[in-house]
Amino acid sequence: MREAVCDFFMNIFSDHTEIIADSEIENSYPHSIDEEYHISSLPNGFKQVDYDKMENSIIITYFKDDDYIFFEQYTKDAYLSNYDNEQSTFESYTDENGQEYLVHNTDHDHTFIWDNGKYIFEICSNLNKRSVLELCESTKIK
């Protein structure tokens, strides 16, 4: 089954869900990362432990003891993610500024996926859902 949610398509299979960007508007987006974004309000104590930048994606990992934050930035044409749907749920959420998010929830973390009009972002963390949303809302150009 294929379902459009928040500018993404969800291809739902028996054991996983594939998320891809809406290819109808793909050409209006950059095909390489020209502007790098970051979490501007990283919680105290978190340290960057990994940084991986390629032409069309950036993945940054932060840890503080057992807590983690994964920040990902993609070009629209490079974005594709797979999620287990046997032990998790999806929901859509719109914040007070009108930004739409696709949210993947498990019993141990939350992943917020959104399109800012130029790039696709994901933040996954085992912090509470409100804290993860605040990380999303603090994402800015470096």
C-alpha atoms as a PDB file:
ATOM      1  CA  MET A   1       0.000   0.000   0.000  1.00  0.00           C
ATOM      2  CA  ARG A   2       1.267   3.510  -0.815  1.00  0.00           C
ATOM      3  CA  GLU A   3       0.101   6.523   1.188  1.00  0.00           C
ATOM      4  CA  ALA A   4       1.079  10.223   0.926  1.00  0.00           C
ATOM      5  CA  VAL A   5       1.791  11.910   4.275  1.00  0.00           C
ATOM      6  CA  CYS A   6       3.474  15.313   4.869  1.00  0.00           C
ATOM      7  CA  ASP A   7       5.172  15.465   1.419  1.00  0.00           C
ATOM      8  CA  PHE A   8       6.389  11.859   1.804  1.00  0.00           C
ATOM      9  CA  PHE A   9       5.209   8.557   0.398  1.00  0.00           C
ATOM     10  CA  MET A  10       4.941   5.599   2.715  1.00  0.00           C
ATOM     11  CA  ASN A  11       5.227   2.212   1.034  1.00  0.00           C
ATOM     12  CA  ILE A  12       3.788  -0.143   3.642  1.00  0.00           C
ATOM     13  CA  PHE A  13       4.884  -3.785   3.628  1.00  0.00           C
ATOM     14  CA  SER A  14       4.088  -6.574   6.100  1.00  0.00           C
ATOM     15  CA  ASP A  15       7.191  -6.030   8.245  1.00  0.00           C
ATOM     16  CA  HIS A  16       8.493  -2.552   7.352  1.00  0.00           C
ATOM     17  CA  THR A  17       7.545   0.814   5.922  1.00  0.00           C
ATOM     18  CA  GLU A  18       9.628   2.611   3.321  1.00  0.00           C
ATOM     19  CA  ILE A  19       9.561   6.424   3.392  1.00  0.00           C
ATOM     20  CA  ILE A  20      10.513   8.378   0.268  1.00  0.00           C
ATOM     21  CA  ALA A  21      10.219  12.024  -0.720  1.00  0.00           C
ATOM     22  CA  ASP A  22       7.455  13.120  -3.070  1.00  0.00           C
ATOM     23  CA  SER A  23       9.175  12.882  -6.466  1.00  0.00           C
ATOM     24  CA  GLU A  24       6.587  15.192  -8.078  1.00  0.00           C
ATOM     25  CA  ILE A  25       8.393  18.243  -6.675  1.00  0.00           C
ATOM     26  CA  GLU A  26      11.901  16.756  -6.491  1.00  0.00           C
ATOM     27  CA  ASN A  27      13.393  18.973  -9.228  1.00  0.00           C
ATOM     28  CA  SER A  28      12.719  22.162  -7.283  1.00  0.00           C
ATOM     29  CA  TYR A  29      15.213  21.040  -4.631  1.00  0.00           C
ATOM     30  CA  PRO A  30      19.036  21.076  -4.672  1.00  0.00           C
ATOM     31  CA  HIS A  31      20.788  17.840  -5.657  1.00  0.00           C
ATOM     32  CA  SER A  32      23.724  18.444  -3.319  1.00  0.00           C
ATOM     33  CA  ILE A  33      24.060  19.898   0.177  1.00  0.00           C
ATOM     34  CA  ASP A  34      24.893  23.569  -0.352  1.00  0.00           C
ATOM     35  CA  GLU A  35      23.764  24.755   3.095  1.00  0.00           C
ATOM     36  CA  GLU A  36      24.608  22.713   6.154  1.00  0.00           C
ATOM     37  CA  TYR A  37      22.134  22.726   9.059  1.00  0.00           C
ATOM     38  CA  HIS A  38      22.661  21.868  12.715  1.00  0.00           C
ATOM     39  CA  ILE A  39      20.744  21.561  15.981  1.00  0.00           C
ATOM     40  CA  SER A  40      21.212  25.006  17.512  1.00  0.00           C
ATOM     41  CA  SER A  41      19.900  24.040  20.981  1.00  0.00           C
ATOM     42  CA  LEU A  42      21.708  20.803  21.729  1.00  0.00           C
ATOM     43  CA  PRO A  43      20.946  19.716  25.322  1.00  0.00           C
ATOM     44  CA  ASN A  44      23.749  20.120  27.885  1.00  0.00           C
ATOM     45  CA  GLY A  45      26.248  17.293  28.095  1.00  0.00           C
ATOM     46  CA  PHE A  46      25.751  15.902  24.586  1.00  0.00           C
ATOM     47  CA  LYS A  47      28.977  15.394  22.630  1.00  0.00           C
ATOM     48  CA  GLN A  48      29.326  14.873  18.890  1.00  0.00           C
ATOM     49  CA  VAL A  49      30.857  11.420  18.325  1.00  0.00           C
ATOM     50  CA  ASP A  50      30.440  11.032  14.564  1.00  0.00           C
ATOM     51  CA  TYR A  51      30.113  13.272  11.523  1.00  0.00           C
ATOM     52  CA  ASP A  52      29.668  11.930   8.002  1.00  0.00           C
ATOM     53  CA  LYS A  53      29.155  14.304   5.068  1.00  0.00           C
ATOM     54  CA  MET A  54      28.643  13.185   1.498  1.00  0.00           C
ATOM     55  CA  GLU A  55      27.450  15.137  -1.525  1.00  0.00           C
ATOM     56  CA  ASN A  56      23.752  14.597  -0.776  1.00  0.00           C
ATOM     57  CA  SER A  57      23.613  13.800   2.956  1.00  0.00           C
ATOM     58  CA  ILE A  58      24.991  14.657   6.388  1.00  0.00           C
ATOM     59  CA  ILE A  59      24.681  12.370   9.416  1.00  0.00           C
ATOM     60  CA  ILE A  60      25.775  13.560  12.873  1.00  0.00           C
ATOM     61  CA  THR A  61      25.648  11.433  16.028  1.00  0.00           C
ATOM     62  CA  TYR A  62      25.586  12.813  19.584  1.00  0.00           C
ATOM     63  CA  PHE A  63      25.760  10.905  22.872  1.00  0.00           C
ATOM     64  CA  LYS A  64      25.425  11.682  26.563  1.00  0.00           C
ATOM     65  CA  ASP A  65      25.763   8.531  28.657  1.00  0.00           C
ATOM     66  CA  ASP A  66      22.945   6.256  27.391  1.00  0.00           C
ATOM     67  CA  ASP A  67      21.054   9.050  25.616  1.00  0.00           C
ATOM     68  CA  TYR A  68      21.521   9.617  21.894  1.00  0.00           C
ATOM     69  CA  ILE A  69      20.563  12.021  19.118  1.00  0.00           C
ATOM     70  CA  PHE A  70      20.974  11.232  15.429  1.00  0.00           C
ATOM     71  CA  PHE A  71      20.668  14.264  13.142  1.00  0.00           C
ATOM     72  CA  GLU A  72      20.365  13.666   9.394  1.00  0.00           C
ATOM     73  CA  GLN A  73      20.063  16.075   6.458  1.00  0.00           C
ATOM     74  CA  TYR A  74      19.366  14.867   2.905  1.00  0.00           C
ATOM     75  CA  THR A  75      18.700  16.226  -0.521  1.00  0.00           C
ATOM     76  CA  LYS A  76      15.207  15.311  -1.607  1.00  0.00           C
ATOM     77  CA  ASP A  77      16.360  12.919  -4.334  1.00  0.00           C
ATOM     78  CA  ALA A  78      18.666  11.052  -1.913  1.00  0.00           C
ATOM     79  CA  TYR A  79      16.110  10.482   0.848  1.00  0.00           C
ATOM     80  CA  LEU A  80      14.865   6.948   1.517  1.00  0.00           C
ATOM     81  CA  SER A  81      14.388   5.363   4.951  1.00  0.00           C
ATOM     82  CA  ASN A  82      13.020   2.040   6.132  1.00  0.00           C
ATOM     83  CA  TYR A  83      11.288   1.508   9.475  1.00  0.00           C
ATOM     84  CA  ASP A  84      10.125  -1.585  11.310  1.00  0.00           C
ATOM     85  CA  ASN A  85       6.345  -1.402  11.514  1.00  0.00           C
ATOM     86  CA  GLU A  86       5.788  -4.467  13.679  1.00  0.00           C
ATOM     87  CA  GLN A  87       6.798  -2.753  16.949  1.00  0.00           C
ATOM     88  CA  SER A  88       6.144   0.907  16.131  1.00  0.00           C
ATOM     89  CA  THR A  89       3.635   3.516  15.001  1.00  0.00           C
ATOM     90  CA  PHE A  90       3.564   6.510  12.672  1.00  0.00           C
ATOM     91  CA  GLU A  91       1.713   9.768  13.173  1.00  0.00           C
ATOM     92  CA  SER A  92       1.686  13.176  11.541  1.00  0.00           C
ATOM     93  CA  TYR A  93       2.143  16.304  13.601  1.00  0.00           C
ATOM     94  CA  THR A  94       2.034  20.024  12.780  1.00  0.00           C
ATOM     95  CA  ASP A  95       3.776  22.426  15.148  1.00  0.00           C
ATOM     96  CA  GLU A  96       2.550  25.919  16.053  1.00  0.00           C
ATOM     97  CA  ASN A  97       4.607  27.409  13.169  1.00  0.00           C
ATOM     98  CA  GLY A  98       2.850  25.193  10.624  1.00  0.00           C
ATOM     99  CA  GLN A  99       5.799  22.810  10.055  1.00  0.00           C
ATOM    100  CA  GLU A 100       4.538  19.304   9.312  1.00  0.00           C
ATOM    101  CA  TYR A 101       6.361  16.258  10.680  1.00  0.00           C
ATOM    102  CA  LEU A 102       6.037  12.564  10.089  1.00  0.00           C
ATOM    103  CA  VAL A 103       6.783  10.929  13.452  1.00  0.00           C
ATOM    104  CA  HIS A 104       7.912   7.335  13.955  1.00  0.00           C
ATOM    105  CA  ASN A 105       7.466   6.103  17.549  1.00  0.00           C
ATOM    106  CA  THR A 106       8.886   2.979  19.175  1.00  0.00           C
ATOM    107  CA  ASP A 107       9.036   1.957  22.811  1.00  0.00           C
ATOM    108  CA  HIS A 108      12.610   3.308  23.010  1.00  0.00           C
ATOM    109  CA  ASP A 109      12.822   6.351  20.683  1.00  0.00           C
ATOM    110  CA  HIS A 110      11.096   8.898  18.437  1.00  0.00           C
ATOM    111  CA  THR A 111      12.076   9.935  14.914  1.00  0.00           C
ATOM    112  CA  PHE A 112      10.798  13.193  13.443  1.00  0.00           C
ATOM    113  CA  ILE A 113      11.025  13.531   9.644  1.00  0.00           C
ATOM    114  CA  TRP A 114      10.346  16.803   7.870  1.00  0.00           C
ATOM    115  CA  ASP A 115      10.869  18.829   4.718  1.00  0.00           C
ATOM    116  CA  ASN A 116      11.882  22.463   5.312  1.00  0.00           C
ATOM    117  CA  GLY A 117      11.215  23.469   1.709  1.00  0.00           C
ATOM    118  CA  LYS A 118      14.783  22.734   0.605  1.00  0.00           C
ATOM    119  CA  TYR A 119      16.104  19.631   2.411  1.00  0.00           C
ATOM    120  CA  ILE A 120      14.760  16.567   4.210  1.00  0.00           C
ATOM    121  CA  PHE A 121      15.675  16.151   7.896  1.00  0.00           C
ATOM    122  CA  GLU A 122      15.451  13.372  10.451  1.00  0.00           C
ATOM    123  CA  ILE A 123      16.113  13.560  14.150  1.00  0.00           C
ATOM    124  CA  CYS A 124      15.971  10.307  16.092  1.00  0.00           C
ATOM    125  CA  SER A 125      16.477  10.232  19.854  1.00  0.00           C
ATOM    126  CA  ASN A 126      15.591   8.333  22.993  1.00  0.00           C
ATOM    127  CA  LEU A 127      14.741  11.625  24.717  1.00  0.00           C
ATOM    128  CA  ASN A 128      11.047  12.265  25.329  1.00  0.00           C
ATOM    129  CA  LYS A 129       8.917  13.271  22.350  1.00  0.00           C
ATOM    130  CA  ARG A 130       8.602  16.942  23.366  1.00  0.00           C
ATOM    131  CA  SER A 131      12.395  17.253  23.685  1.00  0.00           C
ATOM    132  CA  VAL A 132      12.901  15.725  20.238  1.00  0.00           C
ATOM    133  CA  LEU A 133      10.392  18.195  18.763  1.00  0.00           C
ATOM    134  CA  GLU A 134      12.333  21.057  20.393  1.00  0.00           C
ATOM    135  CA  LEU A 135      15.515  19.770  18.707  1.00  0.00           C
ATOM    136  CA  CYS A 136      13.690  19.848  15.365  1.00  0.00           C
ATOM    137  CA  GLU A 137      12.422  23.363  15.944  1.00  0.00           C
ATOM    138  CA  SER A 138      15.962  24.536  16.776  1.00  0.00           C
ATOM    139  CA  THR A 139      17.451  23.226  13.509  1.00  0.00           C
ATOM    140  CA  LYS A 140      19.125  26.141  11.702  1.00  0.00           C
ATOM    141  CA  ILE A 141      21.677  26.872   8.946  1.00  0.00           C
ATOM    142  CA  LYS A 142      25.227  26.747  10.337  1.00  0.00           C
END
